[in-house]
Amino acid sequence: GKKVFKIDASIPAKDGIFDDTLLGAFEQYFQTNVKLHGRKGKLSDKVKVAMDKNILSVSTTMQYKKRYFKYLTKKFLKKKELRDWLRVLATGKTGYQLRYFNIRDEEE
């Protein structure tokens, strides 16, 4: 069946950390780095990547592990040097959300 994975970047987007350029880059990163049949950048109509209101959605009929998109998101954050600020948190079965690390909570 068809699955839609969503990665919600609205929290950092609201603060302007993820501006339009970065959101565009995020979408582009997924376009070029999601593998289909072991090959990057060759997404057919089986995998669609779209950005809508700060939410990146990957709709696909192929079998993907949700973790794979978490992994790609982390790689993207690392590349943009945002890995220290943002974490990828699961929301439901097919979604992730970018959240800030809560520095306070770690001290308690």
C-alpha atoms as a PDB file:
ATOM      1  CA  GLY A   1       0.000   0.000   0.000  1.00  0.00           C
ATOM      2  CA  LYS A   2       0.869   3.653  -0.053  1.00  0.00           C
ATOM      3  CA  LYS A   3       2.653   5.198   2.879  1.00  0.00           C
ATOM      4  CA  VAL A   4       3.282   8.811   3.715  1.00  0.00           C
ATOM      5  CA  PHE A   5       6.115   9.686   6.050  1.00  0.00           C
ATOM      6  CA  LYS A   6       6.087  13.192   7.463  1.00  0.00           C
ATOM      7  CA  ILE A   7       8.887  15.188   8.979  1.00  0.00           C
ATOM      8  CA  ASP A   8       7.613  18.269  10.723  1.00  0.00           C
ATOM      9  CA  ALA A   9      10.040  21.179  10.804  1.00  0.00           C
ATOM     10  CA  SER A  10       7.560  23.807  11.917  1.00  0.00           C
ATOM     11  CA  ILE A  11       9.146  24.471  15.314  1.00  0.00           C
ATOM     12  CA  PRO A  12      12.578  25.527  13.972  1.00  0.00           C
ATOM     13  CA  ALA A  13      10.857  27.174  10.988  1.00  0.00           C
ATOM     14  CA  LYS A  14       8.822  29.356  13.314  1.00  0.00           C
ATOM     15  CA  ASP A  15      12.026  30.612  14.937  1.00  0.00           C
ATOM     16  CA  GLY A  16      13.625  31.237  11.568  1.00  0.00           C
ATOM     17  CA  ILE A  17      16.344  28.629  12.076  1.00  0.00           C
ATOM     18  CA  PHE A  18      14.832  26.731   9.184  1.00  0.00           C
ATOM     19  CA  ASP A  19      14.263  29.541   6.712  1.00  0.00           C
ATOM     20  CA  ASP A  20      12.880  29.051   3.224  1.00  0.00           C
ATOM     21  CA  THR A  21      16.327  28.398   1.812  1.00  0.00           C
ATOM     22  CA  LEU A  22      17.000  25.691   4.354  1.00  0.00           C
ATOM     23  CA  LEU A  23      13.566  24.138   3.895  1.00  0.00           C
ATOM     24  CA  GLY A  24      14.251  24.053   0.178  1.00  0.00           C
ATOM     25  CA  ALA A  25      17.626  22.482   0.809  1.00  0.00           C
ATOM     26  CA  PHE A  26      16.021  19.928   3.114  1.00  0.00           C
ATOM     27  CA  GLU A  27      13.571  18.883   0.414  1.00  0.00           C
ATOM     28  CA  GLN A  28      16.350  18.827  -2.170  1.00  0.00           C
ATOM     29  CA  TYR A  29      18.496  16.710   0.135  1.00  0.00           C
ATOM     30  CA  PHE A  30      15.779  14.099   0.340  1.00  0.00           C
ATOM     31  CA  GLN A  31      15.249  14.216  -3.421  1.00  0.00           C
ATOM     32  CA  THR A  32      18.910  13.451  -4.032  1.00  0.00           C
ATOM     33  CA  ASN A  33      19.677  11.124  -1.116  1.00  0.00           C
ATOM     34  CA  VAL A  34      16.719   8.808  -0.694  1.00  0.00           C
ATOM     35  CA  LYS A  35      17.701   5.537  -2.276  1.00  0.00           C
ATOM     36  CA  LEU A  36      15.438   3.591  -4.571  1.00  0.00           C
ATOM     37  CA  HIS A  37      16.642   0.110  -5.520  1.00  0.00           C
ATOM     38  CA  GLY A  38      19.976   0.983  -3.948  1.00  0.00           C
ATOM     39  CA  ARG A  39      20.527   4.060  -6.104  1.00  0.00           C
ATOM     40  CA  LYS A  40      20.495   7.659  -5.008  1.00  0.00           C
ATOM     41  CA  GLY A  41      18.777  10.462  -6.829  1.00  0.00           C
ATOM     42  CA  LYS A  42      16.836   8.179  -9.145  1.00  0.00           C
ATOM     43  CA  LEU A  43      13.412   8.520  -7.573  1.00  0.00           C
ATOM     44  CA  SER A  44      10.659   7.476  -9.920  1.00  0.00           C
ATOM     45  CA  ASP A  45       6.969   8.115  -9.387  1.00  0.00           C
ATOM     46  CA  LYS A  46       7.145   5.476  -6.658  1.00  0.00           C
ATOM     47  CA  VAL A  47       8.629   8.015  -4.243  1.00  0.00           C
ATOM     48  CA  LYS A  48       7.417  11.585  -4.017  1.00  0.00           C
ATOM     49  CA  VAL A  49       9.044  14.200  -1.825  1.00  0.00           C
ATOM     50  CA  ALA A  50       7.090  17.370  -1.128  1.00  0.00           C
ATOM     51  CA  MET A  51       7.324  20.315   1.241  1.00  0.00           C
ATOM     52  CA  ASP A  52       4.082  21.783   2.526  1.00  0.00           C
ATOM     53  CA  LYS A  53       3.773  24.327   5.349  1.00  0.00           C
ATOM     54  CA  ASN A  54       7.155  23.382   6.843  1.00  0.00           C
ATOM     55  CA  ILE A  55       6.307  19.694   6.747  1.00  0.00           C
ATOM     56  CA  LEU A  56       8.334  17.460   4.488  1.00  0.00           C
ATOM     57  CA  SER A  57       6.346  14.488   3.290  1.00  0.00           C
ATOM     58  CA  VAL A  58       7.639  11.428   1.531  1.00  0.00           C
ATOM     59  CA  SER A  59       4.855   9.411  -0.049  1.00  0.00           C
ATOM     60  CA  THR A  60       5.823   6.048  -1.389  1.00  0.00           C
ATOM     61  CA  THR A  61       4.514   2.665  -2.436  1.00  0.00           C
ATOM     62  CA  MET A  62       7.883   1.075  -1.727  1.00  0.00           C
ATOM     63  CA  GLN A  63       8.922  -0.536   1.538  1.00  0.00           C
ATOM     64  CA  TYR A  64      10.879   1.924   3.615  1.00  0.00           C
ATOM     65  CA  LYS A  65      11.722   1.802   7.251  1.00  0.00           C
ATOM     66  CA  LYS A  66      10.644   4.888   9.111  1.00  0.00           C
ATOM     67  CA  ARG A  67      14.062   4.958  10.745  1.00  0.00           C
ATOM     68  CA  TYR A  68      15.645   5.515   7.355  1.00  0.00           C
ATOM     69  CA  PHE A  69      14.075   8.959   7.135  1.00  0.00           C
ATOM     70  CA  LYS A  70      15.158   9.735  10.680  1.00  0.00           C
ATOM     71  CA  TYR A  71      18.678   8.785   9.651  1.00  0.00           C
ATOM     72  CA  LEU A  72      18.535  11.042   6.600  1.00  0.00           C
ATOM     73  CA  THR A  73      17.139  13.908   8.642  1.00  0.00           C
ATOM     74  CA  LYS A  74      19.959  13.589  11.151  1.00  0.00           C
ATOM     75  CA  LYS A  75      22.508  13.522   8.353  1.00  0.00           C
ATOM     76  CA  PHE A  76      21.029  16.701   6.929  1.00  0.00           C
ATOM     77  CA  LEU A  77      21.105  18.434  10.317  1.00  0.00           C
ATOM     78  CA  LYS A  78      24.708  17.372  10.795  1.00  0.00           C
ATOM     79  CA  LYS A  79      25.621  18.758   7.391  1.00  0.00           C
ATOM     80  CA  LYS A  80      24.024  22.101   8.270  1.00  0.00           C
ATOM     81  CA  GLU A  81      25.610  21.988  11.745  1.00  0.00           C
ATOM     82  CA  LEU A  82      22.249  22.004  13.483  1.00  0.00           C
ATOM     83  CA  ARG A  83      22.650  18.579  15.014  1.00  0.00           C
ATOM     84  CA  ASP A  84      23.555  20.086  18.394  1.00  0.00           C
ATOM     85  CA  TRP A  85      20.359  22.089  18.539  1.00  0.00           C
ATOM     86  CA  LEU A  86      17.691  19.928  17.025  1.00  0.00           C
ATOM     87  CA  ARG A  87      16.566  16.390  17.647  1.00  0.00           C
ATOM     88  CA  VAL A  88      14.294  14.154  15.634  1.00  0.00           C
ATOM     89  CA  LEU A  89      11.373  12.964  17.698  1.00  0.00           C
ATOM     90  CA  ALA A  90       8.811  10.380  16.664  1.00  0.00           C
ATOM     91  CA  THR A  91       5.199  11.490  16.445  1.00  0.00           C
ATOM     92  CA  GLY A  92       2.918   8.577  15.739  1.00  0.00           C
ATOM     93  CA  LYS A  93       3.614   5.709  13.394  1.00  0.00           C
ATOM     94  CA  THR A  94       4.807   7.542  10.314  1.00  0.00           C
ATOM     95  CA  GLY A  95       5.870  10.943  11.544  1.00  0.00           C
ATOM     96  CA  TYR A  96       8.815  12.762  13.010  1.00  0.00           C
ATOM     97  CA  GLN A  97       9.130  16.211  14.435  1.00  0.00           C
ATOM     98  CA  LEU A  98      12.174  18.403  14.776  1.00  0.00           C
ATOM     99  CA  ARG A  99      12.418  19.623  18.353  1.00  0.00           C
ATOM    100  CA  TYR A 100      14.969  21.537  20.335  1.00  0.00           C
ATOM    101  CA  PHE A 101      17.025  19.806  22.938  1.00  0.00           C
ATOM    102  CA  ASN A 102      15.759  20.838  26.321  1.00  0.00           C
ATOM    103  CA  ILE A 103      18.954  21.797  28.058  1.00  0.00           C
ATOM    104  CA  ARG A 104      17.216  22.255  31.416  1.00  0.00           C
ATOM    105  CA  ASP A 105      15.795  18.744  31.541  1.00  0.00           C
ATOM    106  CA  GLU A 106      19.169  17.101  31.219  1.00  0.00           C
ATOM    107  CA  GLU A 107      20.512  18.664  34.400  1.00  0.00           C
ATOM    108  CA  GLU A 108      17.811  17.283  36.666  1.00  0.00           C
END
